[in-house]
């Protein structure tokens, strides 16, 4: 197996329970942190992690 790295929580910086390889691809993945109990949407390509900002549901008008 190739080199892997742990996914770190973008909110608190602690290690999550997931590891990614160089060839891992994730789109709009809900990452849950067991330490701060926050869920964040991320995308991963070639071990580059991007946080996806969602519009706030309270500010959306119908």
Protein backbone atom coordinates (compact mmCIF):
# COMPACT_ATOMS: atom_id res chain seq x y z
CA UNK A 1 0.00 0.00 0.00
CA UNK A 2 1.25 3.49 -0.82
CA UNK A 3 1.92 6.30 1.59
CA UNK A 4 -1.13 7.41 3.56
CA UNK A 5 -1.90 10.41 5.74
CA UNK A 6 -4.50 11.07 8.39
CA UNK A 7 -7.23 13.61 7.65
CA UNK A 8 -7.05 16.40 10.22
CA UNK A 9 -10.20 18.23 11.36
CA UNK A 10 -10.42 21.67 9.70
CA UNK A 11 -12.22 23.07 12.78
CA UNK A 12 -10.09 21.93 15.75
CA UNK A 13 -7.02 20.44 14.02
CA UNK A 14 -7.20 17.02 15.70
CA UNK A 15 -6.76 13.72 13.90
CA UNK A 16 -9.96 12.10 12.58
CA UNK A 17 -10.55 8.39 12.08
CA UNK A 18 -9.90 8.50 8.32
CA UNK A 19 -6.73 8.08 6.29
CA UNK A 20 -6.28 8.93 2.61
CA UNK A 21 -3.87 7.63 -0.01
CA UNK A 22 -2.38 9.60 -2.89
CA UNK A 23 -5.01 8.23 -5.30
CA UNK A 24 -8.00 8.94 -3.00
CA UNK A 25 -10.74 11.12 -4.53
CA UNK A 26 -13.64 12.44 -2.42
CA UNK A 27 -16.29 14.93 -3.51
CA UNK A 28 -18.57 16.64 -0.96
CA UNK A 29 -17.65 14.11 1.77
CA UNK A 30 -19.16 14.76 5.23
CA UNK A 31 -16.13 14.55 7.55
CA UNK A 32 -17.06 14.04 11.22
CA UNK A 33 -14.63 14.88 14.02
CA UNK A 34 -15.05 12.77 17.19
CA UNK A 35 -13.26 15.38 19.32
CA UNK A 36 -15.18 18.59 18.50
CA UNK A 37 -18.27 16.75 17.20
CA UNK A 38 -18.50 18.96 14.10
CA UNK A 39 -19.34 17.78 10.58
CA UNK A 40 -17.63 19.52 7.67
CA UNK A 41 -17.96 18.94 3.92
CA UNK A 42 -14.61 18.31 2.24
CA UNK A 43 -13.25 17.39 -1.16
CA UNK A 44 -9.98 15.49 -1.62
CA UNK A 45 -7.77 15.04 -4.71
CA UNK A 46 -4.14 13.85 -4.58
CA UNK A 47 -4.05 14.34 -0.78
CA UNK A 48 -5.12 18.00 -1.14
CA UNK A 49 -8.08 18.69 1.13
CA UNK A 50 -10.54 21.51 0.40
CA UNK A 51 -13.29 22.62 2.79
CA UNK A 52 -16.65 23.29 1.12
CA UNK A 53 -18.63 26.20 2.50
CA UNK A 54 -22.39 25.72 2.39
CA UNK A 55 -24.84 28.61 2.43
CA UNK A 56 -26.48 29.05 5.81
CA UNK A 57 -30.01 27.58 5.83
CA UNK A 58 -31.26 30.41 8.07
CA UNK A 59 -30.28 33.13 5.60
CA UNK A 60 -31.82 31.51 2.54
CA UNK A 61 -35.14 32.96 1.48
CA UNK A 62 -37.89 31.14 -0.39
